[in-house]
Amino acid sequence: MTTTLTPSLSARLTVEAFLHDYMLTIDSDRLEDWHTFFEEDGTYNVTTRENMELGLPLNLMSCEGHGMFKDRIVALRTANIFEPHVYCHIPGALRVTSIKGDLVESESSFTIVRTTNGGDMDVFICGRTHDTVRLGKDGPKLKNRTVILDSRQIDTLLVIPV
């Protein structure tokens, strides 16, 4: 018996695998590759649930275009002072909310466990993402990624991308 994937299931599996690669790139500290997951003029925003619900346009982190993505990582590597740590993304199920041509919109939840150089681990942040991914000839690319944190409080700097 041969099973044929529907276009929506195929899109979900493609986007899900792409976003898992995105998370593993961050978790593996390959941050210089972060921008490659976005279109040249892609956008990335981190905000809080409270700001979203109140319609406030305030972001905790915001980047637009590869230049800003690269600058963010250069600053992280050379100028920012923070306790060294790594992330472990724990993704929730991905749900496709819209498919329009080659653009797939999706949302999913996540939890990030942070581990410091001293070995301490804690739940750093959790929330959900709203992503717009273009399924192009050269593979998927993020057109937009909006990260919505459940809490408005973060106990330390948010320096590493989510």
N, C-alpha and C. Protein backbone atom coordinates (compact mmCIF):
# COMPACT_ATOMS: atom_id res chain seq x y z
N MET A 1 0.84 -1.18 0.00
CA MET A 1 0.00 0.00 0.00
C MET A 1 0.88 1.24 0.00
N THR A 2 0.61 2.15 -0.91
CA THR A 2 1.34 3.40 -1.03
C THR A 2 0.52 4.52 -0.42
N THR A 3 1.18 5.32 0.41
CA THR A 3 0.50 6.45 1.03
C THR A 3 1.01 7.73 0.38
N THR A 4 0.10 8.58 -0.03
CA THR A 4 0.44 9.86 -0.62
C THR A 4 0.22 10.95 0.42
N LEU A 5 1.23 11.82 0.59
CA LEU A 5 1.09 12.92 1.53
C LEU A 5 0.24 14.02 0.92
N THR A 6 -0.67 14.54 1.70
CA THR A 6 -1.44 15.69 1.26
C THR A 6 -0.52 16.90 1.26
N PRO A 7 -0.83 17.93 0.48
CA PRO A 7 0.02 19.13 0.47
C PRO A 7 0.18 19.74 1.87
N SER A 8 -0.87 19.74 2.68
CA SER A 8 -0.76 20.36 4.01
C SER A 8 0.12 19.51 4.93
N LEU A 9 0.04 18.19 4.85
CA LEU A 9 0.89 17.34 5.67
C LEU A 9 2.34 17.44 5.21
N SER A 10 2.55 17.48 3.92
CA SER A 10 3.90 17.63 3.38
C SER A 10 4.51 18.96 3.84
N ALA A 11 3.72 20.04 3.79
CA ALA A 11 4.19 21.36 4.23
C ALA A 11 4.52 21.32 5.72
N ARG A 12 3.66 20.70 6.51
CA ARG A 12 3.90 20.63 7.97
C ARG A 12 5.19 19.89 8.26
N LEU A 13 5.39 18.74 7.62
CA LEU A 13 6.60 17.96 7.87
C LEU A 13 7.85 18.71 7.42
N THR A 14 7.78 19.41 6.30
CA THR A 14 8.91 20.19 5.81
C THR A 14 9.25 21.32 6.78
N VAL A 15 8.24 22.07 7.21
CA VAL A 15 8.46 23.19 8.13
C VAL A 15 8.95 22.67 9.48
N GLU A 16 8.37 21.59 9.95
CA GLU A 16 8.77 21.03 11.24
C GLU A 16 10.25 20.60 11.22
N ALA A 17 10.68 19.91 10.17
CA ALA A 17 12.08 19.50 10.07
C ALA A 17 13.00 20.71 9.98
N PHE A 18 12.60 21.71 9.21
CA PHE A 18 13.37 22.95 9.07
C PHE A 18 13.53 23.65 10.42
N LEU A 19 12.45 23.76 11.18
CA LEU A 19 12.53 24.44 12.47
C LEU A 19 13.31 23.63 13.51
N HIS A 20 13.29 22.31 13.39
CA HIS A 20 14.14 21.50 14.26
C HIS A 20 15.62 21.77 13.95
N ASP A 21 15.96 21.89 12.67
CA ASP A 21 17.33 22.25 12.30
C ASP A 21 17.70 23.62 12.87
N TYR A 22 16.76 24.56 12.80
CA TYR A 22 16.95 25.91 13.36
C TYR A 22 17.31 25.81 14.84
N MET A 23 16.49 25.06 15.59
CA MET A 23 16.72 24.93 17.04
C MET A 23 18.05 24.25 17.34
N LEU A 24 18.39 23.20 16.60
CA LEU A 24 19.66 22.50 16.82
C LEU A 24 20.85 23.38 16.50
N THR A 25 20.72 24.27 15.54
CA THR A 25 21.80 25.21 15.22
C THR A 25 22.06 26.12 16.41
N ILE A 26 21.01 26.61 17.03
CA ILE A 26 21.16 27.47 18.22
C ILE A 26 21.70 26.65 19.39
N ASP A 27 21.10 25.50 19.64
CA ASP A 27 21.52 24.66 20.77
C ASP A 27 22.97 24.19 20.63
N SER A 28 23.47 24.08 19.40
CA SER A 28 24.84 23.63 19.15
C SER A 28 25.83 24.80 19.08
N ASP A 29 25.36 26.01 19.38
CA ASP A 29 26.19 27.21 19.39
C ASP A 29 26.80 27.51 18.02
N ARG A 30 26.06 27.18 16.98
CA ARG A 30 26.48 27.55 15.62
C ARG A 30 25.73 28.83 15.21
N LEU A 31 25.86 29.83 16.05
CA LEU A 31 25.07 31.06 15.91
C LEU A 31 25.43 31.86 14.67
N GLU A 32 26.65 31.69 14.16
CA GLU A 32 27.02 32.39 12.93
C GLU A 32 26.19 31.91 11.74
N ASP A 33 25.54 30.76 11.86
CA ASP A 33 24.66 30.23 10.81
C ASP A 33 23.20 30.66 10.99
N TRP A 34 22.88 31.32 12.08
CA TRP A 34 21.49 31.67 12.41
C TRP A 34 20.81 32.42 11.27
N HIS A 35 21.49 33.40 10.71
CA HIS A 35 20.87 34.23 9.66
C HIS A 35 20.49 33.42 8.43
N THR A 36 21.15 32.29 8.20
CA THR A 36 20.89 31.52 6.99
C THR A 36 19.51 30.87 6.99
N PHE A 37 18.85 30.84 8.12
CA PHE A 37 17.50 30.28 8.19
C PHE A 37 16.44 31.29 7.75
N PHE A 38 16.85 32.54 7.54
CA PHE A 38 15.94 33.62 7.19
C PHE A 38 16.15 34.07 5.75
N GLU A 39 15.09 34.60 5.16
CA GLU A 39 15.24 35.28 3.88
C GLU A 39 16.13 36.51 4.10
N GLU A 40 16.70 37.03 3.04
CA GLU A 40 17.61 38.17 3.13
C GLU A 40 16.97 39.33 3.92
N ASP A 41 15.68 39.57 3.73
CA ASP A 41 14.99 40.66 4.43
C ASP A 41 14.06 40.12 5.53
N GLY A 42 14.34 38.91 6.00
CA GLY A 42 13.50 38.29 7.03
C GLY A 42 13.49 39.08 8.33
N THR A 43 12.45 38.85 9.13
CA THR A 43 12.31 39.55 10.41
C THR A 43 12.21 38.55 11.55
N TYR A 44 12.69 38.98 12.71
CA TYR A 44 12.70 38.17 13.92
C TYR A 44 12.35 39.08 15.09
N ASN A 45 11.34 38.71 15.85
CA ASN A 45 10.92 39.50 17.00
C ASN A 45 10.64 38.60 18.18
N VAL A 46 11.06 39.05 19.36
CA VAL A 46 10.72 38.37 20.61
C VAL A 46 9.94 39.37 21.44
N THR A 47 8.76 38.96 21.87
CA THR A 47 7.91 39.82 22.68
C THR A 47 7.30 38.98 23.80
N THR A 48 6.41 39.57 24.56
CA THR A 48 5.75 38.84 25.64
C THR A 48 4.27 38.66 25.33
N ARG A 49 3.69 37.69 25.97
CA ARG A 49 2.25 37.45 25.81
C ARG A 49 1.46 38.70 26.22
N GLU A 50 1.89 39.34 27.30
CA GLU A 50 1.21 40.54 27.78
C GLU A 50 1.22 41.64 26.71
N ASN A 51 2.37 41.88 26.09
CA ASN A 51 2.46 42.89 25.04
C ASN A 51 1.56 42.54 23.85
N MET A 52 1.53 41.27 23.48
CA MET A 52 0.68 40.84 22.36
C MET A 52 -0.80 41.06 22.69
N GLU A 53 -1.20 40.66 23.90
CA GLU A 53 -2.61 40.79 24.28
C GLU A 53 -3.05 42.24 24.38
N LEU A 54 -2.11 43.13 24.78
CA LEU A 54 -2.44 44.55 24.91
C LEU A 54 -2.20 45.31 23.61
N GLY A 55 -1.71 44.62 22.58
CA GLY A 55 -1.45 45.27 21.30
C GLY A 55 -0.28 46.24 21.35
N LEU A 56 0.65 46.01 22.28
CA LEU A 56 1.81 46.89 22.41
C LEU A 56 2.91 46.45 21.44
N PRO A 57 3.48 47.37 20.69
CA PRO A 57 4.49 47.01 19.69
C PRO A 57 5.90 46.90 20.26
N LEU A 58 6.02 46.52 21.53
CA LEU A 58 7.33 46.46 22.17
C LEU A 58 7.92 45.06 22.03
N ASN A 59 9.18 45.01 21.62
CA ASN A 59 9.89 43.74 21.50
C ASN A 59 11.08 43.72 22.44
N LEU A 60 11.40 42.54 22.96
CA LEU A 60 12.59 42.36 23.77
C LEU A 60 13.83 42.22 22.90
N MET A 61 13.62 41.69 21.70
CA MET A 61 14.69 41.53 20.71
C MET A 61 14.04 41.66 19.35
N SER A 62 14.73 42.31 18.43
CA SER A 62 14.18 42.50 17.10
C SER A 62 15.32 42.60 16.08
N CYS A 63 15.17 41.89 14.97
CA CYS A 63 16.14 41.96 13.89
C CYS A 63 15.40 41.98 12.57
N GLU A 64 15.93 42.74 11.63
CA GLU A 64 15.36 42.79 10.29
C GLU A 64 16.49 42.74 9.28
N GLY A 65 16.54 41.68 8.52
CA GLY A 65 17.56 41.53 7.49
C GLY A 65 18.83 40.89 8.00
N HIS A 66 19.53 40.26 7.07
CA HIS A 66 20.74 39.51 7.43
C HIS A 66 21.78 40.37 8.13
N GLY A 67 21.90 41.64 7.76
CA GLY A 67 22.88 42.51 8.41
C GLY A 67 22.66 42.60 9.91
N MET A 68 21.40 42.79 10.32
CA MET A 68 21.11 42.89 11.75
C MET A 68 21.32 41.55 12.45
N PHE A 69 20.98 40.45 11.78
CA PHE A 69 21.19 39.13 12.37
C PHE A 69 22.68 38.91 12.64
N LYS A 70 23.51 39.22 11.64
CA LYS A 70 24.95 39.03 11.79
C LYS A 70 25.52 39.95 12.87
N ASP A 71 25.08 41.22 12.90
CA ASP A 71 25.55 42.16 13.91
C ASP A 71 25.21 41.67 15.32
N ARG A 72 24.04 41.10 15.47
CA ARG A 72 23.60 40.59 16.78
C ARG A 72 24.58 39.52 17.28
N ILE A 73 24.98 38.64 16.39
CA ILE A 73 25.88 37.56 16.79
C ILE A 73 27.29 38.08 17.04
N VAL A 74 27.75 39.02 16.22
CA VAL A 74 29.06 39.62 16.46
C VAL A 74 29.07 40.29 17.84
N ALA A 75 28.01 41.03 18.17
CA ALA A 75 27.92 41.67 19.49
C ALA A 75 27.91 40.63 20.61
N LEU A 76 27.17 39.56 20.40
CA LEU A 76 27.11 38.50 21.40
C LEU A 76 28.50 37.91 21.64
N ARG A 77 29.24 37.70 20.57
CA ARG A 77 30.56 37.07 20.68
C ARG A 77 31.63 38.02 21.22
N THR A 78 31.51 39.34 20.95
CA THR A 78 32.61 40.25 21.25
C THR A 78 32.31 41.33 22.28
N ALA A 79 31.07 41.75 22.41
CA ALA A 79 30.79 42.92 23.25
C ALA A 79 29.91 42.62 24.47
N ASN A 80 28.97 41.72 24.34
CA ASN A 80 28.06 41.44 25.44
C ASN A 80 28.77 40.68 26.55
N ILE A 81 28.45 41.05 27.78
CA ILE A 81 28.99 40.35 28.94
C ILE A 81 27.83 39.62 29.60
N PHE A 82 27.94 38.29 29.66
CA PHE A 82 26.88 37.49 30.27
C PHE A 82 27.49 36.17 30.71
N GLU A 83 26.81 35.52 31.64
CA GLU A 83 27.27 34.21 32.10
C GLU A 83 27.12 33.20 30.96
N PRO A 84 28.20 32.54 30.59
CA PRO A 84 28.09 31.56 29.49
C PRO A 84 27.06 30.48 29.81
N HIS A 85 26.28 30.14 28.80
CA HIS A 85 25.26 29.11 28.96
C HIS A 85 24.87 28.58 27.59
N VAL A 86 24.18 27.47 27.60
CA VAL A 86 23.66 26.88 26.37
C VAL A 86 22.18 26.60 26.55
N TYR A 87 21.50 26.48 25.42
CA TYR A 87 20.07 26.19 25.42
C TYR A 87 19.83 24.75 24.98
N CYS A 88 18.72 24.23 25.42
CA CYS A 88 18.16 23.00 24.88
C CYS A 88 16.69 23.28 24.61
N HIS A 89 16.36 23.44 23.33
CA HIS A 89 14.96 23.67 22.93
C HIS A 89 14.17 22.38 23.06
N ILE A 90 13.00 22.48 23.63
CA ILE A 90 12.06 21.37 23.67
C ILE A 90 10.82 21.84 22.94
N PRO A 91 10.70 21.45 21.67
CA PRO A 91 9.57 21.96 20.88
C PRO A 91 8.27 21.23 21.18
N GLY A 92 7.18 21.97 21.04
CA GLY A 92 5.86 21.37 21.09
C GLY A 92 5.41 21.03 19.68
N ALA A 93 4.22 20.50 19.59
CA ALA A 93 3.68 20.14 18.28
C ALA A 93 3.48 21.39 17.43
N LEU A 94 3.75 21.24 16.14
CA LEU A 94 3.60 22.33 15.19
C LEU A 94 2.23 22.22 14.52
N ARG A 95 1.59 23.36 14.39
CA ARG A 95 0.30 23.40 13.70
C ARG A 95 0.39 24.40 12.56
N VAL A 96 0.07 23.94 11.35
CA VAL A 96 0.01 24.83 10.19
C VAL A 96 -1.30 25.59 10.27
N THR A 97 -1.21 26.91 10.20
CA THR A 97 -2.41 27.75 10.30
C THR A 97 -2.86 28.28 8.94
N SER A 98 -1.94 28.29 7.97
CA SER A 98 -2.29 28.81 6.65
C SER A 98 -1.25 28.39 5.63
N ILE A 99 -1.73 28.09 4.43
CA ILE A 99 -0.84 27.86 3.29
C ILE A 99 -1.37 28.71 2.15
N LYS A 100 -0.52 29.64 1.69
CA LYS A 100 -0.87 30.51 0.57
C LYS A 100 0.28 30.49 -0.41
N GLY A 101 0.11 29.74 -1.48
CA GLY A 101 1.19 29.60 -2.44
C GLY A 101 2.37 28.90 -1.79
N ASP A 102 3.54 29.56 -1.82
CA ASP A 102 4.73 28.95 -1.21
C ASP A 102 4.97 29.41 0.23
N LEU A 103 4.02 30.16 0.80
CA LEU A 103 4.14 30.63 2.19
C LEU A 103 3.32 29.76 3.13
N VAL A 104 3.99 29.25 4.16
CA VAL A 104 3.33 28.43 5.17
C VAL A 104 3.41 29.17 6.50
N GLU A 105 2.27 29.40 7.10
CA GLU A 105 2.23 30.00 8.43
C GLU A 105 1.97 28.90 9.44
N SER A 106 2.71 28.95 10.54
CA SER A 106 2.57 27.92 11.56
C SER A 106 2.74 28.52 12.94
N GLU A 107 2.32 27.74 13.92
CA GLU A 107 2.55 28.12 15.32
C GLU A 107 2.88 26.86 16.09
N SER A 108 3.67 27.04 17.12
CA SER A 108 4.02 25.93 17.99
C SER A 108 4.45 26.48 19.33
N SER A 109 4.45 25.62 20.32
CA SER A 109 4.92 26.01 21.64
C SER A 109 6.34 25.49 21.83
N PHE A 110 7.02 25.99 22.85
CA PHE A 110 8.38 25.56 23.13
C PHE A 110 8.71 25.81 24.59
N THR A 111 9.70 25.12 25.06
CA THR A 111 10.33 25.35 26.36
C THR A 111 11.83 25.33 26.10
N ILE A 112 12.56 26.20 26.77
CA ILE A 112 14.01 26.18 26.66
C ILE A 112 14.59 25.95 28.04
N VAL A 113 15.39 24.89 28.14
CA VAL A 113 16.16 24.62 29.34
C VAL A 113 17.53 25.23 29.13
N ARG A 114 17.98 25.99 30.12
CA ARG A 114 19.29 26.64 30.04
C ARG A 114 20.24 25.91 30.98
N THR A 115 21.45 25.65 30.49
CA THR A 115 22.49 25.04 31.31
C THR A 115 23.68 25.98 31.35
N THR A 116 24.13 26.33 32.55
CA THR A 116 25.29 27.22 32.71
C THR A 116 26.56 26.39 32.66
N ASN A 117 27.70 27.08 32.54
CA ASN A 117 28.99 26.38 32.55
C ASN A 117 29.22 25.62 33.85
N GLY A 118 28.60 26.08 34.93
CA GLY A 118 28.70 25.40 36.21
C GLY A 118 27.84 24.16 36.31
N GLY A 119 27.01 23.92 35.31
CA GLY A 119 26.17 22.73 35.30
C GLY A 119 24.76 22.93 35.82
N ASP A 120 24.45 24.14 36.30
CA ASP A 120 23.09 24.40 36.77
C ASP A 120 22.14 24.44 35.58
N MET A 121 20.99 23.78 35.75
CA MET A 121 19.97 23.76 34.69
C MET A 121 18.68 24.33 35.25
N ASP A 122 17.96 25.07 34.38
CA ASP A 122 16.65 25.56 34.76
C ASP A 122 15.81 25.81 33.52
N VAL A 123 14.49 25.87 33.74
CA VAL A 123 13.62 26.27 32.64
C VAL A 123 13.82 27.77 32.49
N PHE A 124 14.38 28.15 31.35
CA PHE A 124 14.72 29.55 31.11
C PHE A 124 13.50 30.33 30.64
N ILE A 125 12.89 29.88 29.56
CA ILE A 125 11.71 30.53 29.03
C ILE A 125 10.82 29.50 28.36
N CYS A 126 9.57 29.86 28.20
CA CYS A 126 8.65 29.04 27.41
C CYS A 126 7.65 29.99 26.76
N GLY A 127 6.99 29.49 25.75
CA GLY A 127 6.03 30.32 25.04
C GLY A 127 5.64 29.64 23.75
N ARG A 128 5.40 30.47 22.74
CA ARG A 128 5.02 29.93 21.44
C ARG A 128 5.63 30.79 20.34
N THR A 129 5.66 30.22 19.15
CA THR A 129 6.19 30.93 18.00
C THR A 129 5.14 31.01 16.92
N HIS A 130 5.17 32.09 16.19
CA HIS A 130 4.38 32.26 14.97
C HIS A 130 5.39 32.45 13.86
N ASP A 131 5.39 31.54 12.90
CA ASP A 131 6.38 31.57 11.83
C ASP A 131 5.71 31.65 10.47
N THR A 132 6.35 32.39 9.58
CA THR A 132 5.98 32.38 8.16
C THR A 132 7.21 31.88 7.42
N VAL A 133 7.05 30.72 6.78
CA VAL A 133 8.16 30.06 6.09
C VAL A 133 7.84 30.00 4.60
N ARG A 134 8.82 30.42 3.79
CA ARG A 134 8.68 30.30 2.35
C ARG A 134 9.33 28.99 1.91
N LEU A 135 8.57 28.17 1.22
CA LEU A 135 9.08 26.91 0.70
C LEU A 135 9.58 27.15 -0.71
N GLY A 136 10.82 27.61 -0.82
CA GLY A 136 11.38 27.99 -2.12
C GLY A 136 12.20 26.88 -2.76
N LYS A 137 12.71 27.18 -3.93
CA LYS A 137 13.52 26.21 -4.68
C LYS A 137 14.80 25.83 -3.94
N ASP A 138 15.33 26.78 -3.16
CA ASP A 138 16.57 26.53 -2.41
C ASP A 138 16.30 26.04 -1.00
N GLY A 139 15.10 25.57 -0.74
CA GLY A 139 14.73 25.08 0.58
C GLY A 139 13.96 26.12 1.36
N PRO A 140 13.46 25.73 2.52
CA PRO A 140 12.65 26.64 3.33
C PRO A 140 13.49 27.78 3.91
N LYS A 141 12.86 28.94 4.03
CA LYS A 141 13.47 30.10 4.68
C LYS A 141 12.39 30.82 5.48
N LEU A 142 12.77 31.32 6.65
CA LEU A 142 11.84 32.11 7.45
C LEU A 142 11.69 33.50 6.86
N LYS A 143 10.46 33.87 6.60
CA LYS A 143 10.13 35.24 6.21
C LYS A 143 9.96 36.06 7.48
N ASN A 144 9.33 35.44 8.47
CA ASN A 144 9.11 36.10 9.76
C ASN A 144 9.04 35.05 10.85
N ARG A 145 9.65 35.37 11.99
CA ARG A 145 9.53 34.54 13.19
C ARG A 145 9.21 35.48 14.34
N THR A 146 8.08 35.24 14.97
CA THR A 146 7.70 36.00 16.16
C THR A 146 7.64 35.03 17.33
N VAL A 147 8.44 35.31 18.34
CA VAL A 147 8.50 34.49 19.55
C VAL A 147 7.72 35.24 20.63
N ILE A 148 6.75 34.55 21.23
CA ILE A 148 5.90 35.17 22.25
C ILE A 148 6.15 34.44 23.57
N LEU A 149 6.82 35.11 24.49
CA LEU A 149 7.16 34.51 25.77
C LEU A 149 5.96 34.57 26.71
N ASP A 150 5.75 33.48 27.45
CA ASP A 150 4.64 33.44 28.39
C ASP A 150 4.81 34.45 29.52
N SER A 151 6.04 34.63 29.97
CA SER A 151 6.30 35.54 31.09
C SER A 151 6.88 36.84 30.59
N ARG A 152 6.63 37.91 31.31
CA ARG A 152 7.25 39.19 30.95
C ARG A 152 8.56 39.38 31.70
N GLN A 153 8.91 38.41 32.54
CA GLN A 153 10.15 38.51 33.30
C GLN A 153 11.13 37.44 32.84
N ILE A 154 12.35 37.88 32.60
CA ILE A 154 13.45 36.97 32.26
C ILE A 154 14.53 37.25 33.28
N ASP A 155 15.07 36.20 33.92
CA ASP A 155 15.98 36.41 35.04
C ASP A 155 17.38 36.86 34.65
N THR A 156 17.68 36.87 33.37
CA THR A 156 18.98 37.31 32.90
C THR A 156 18.82 37.86 31.49
N LEU A 157 19.91 38.33 30.93
CA LEU A 157 19.85 38.85 29.57
C LEU A 157 19.38 37.80 28.58
N LEU A 158 18.61 38.24 27.62
CA LEU A 158 18.23 37.38 26.50
C LEU A 158 19.21 37.71 25.38
N VAL A 159 20.35 37.02 25.37
CA VAL A 159 21.39 37.33 24.38
C VAL A 159 21.42 36.34 23.24
N ILE A 160 21.19 35.08 23.54
CA ILE A 160 21.19 34.05 22.50
C ILE A 160 19.81 34.05 21.84
N PRO A 161 19.76 33.98 20.52
CA PRO A 161 18.44 33.93 19.86
C PRO A 161 17.62 32.73 20.34
N VAL A 162 16.32 32.85 20.21
CA VAL A 162 15.41 31.77 20.62
C VAL A 162 14.97 31.03 19.38
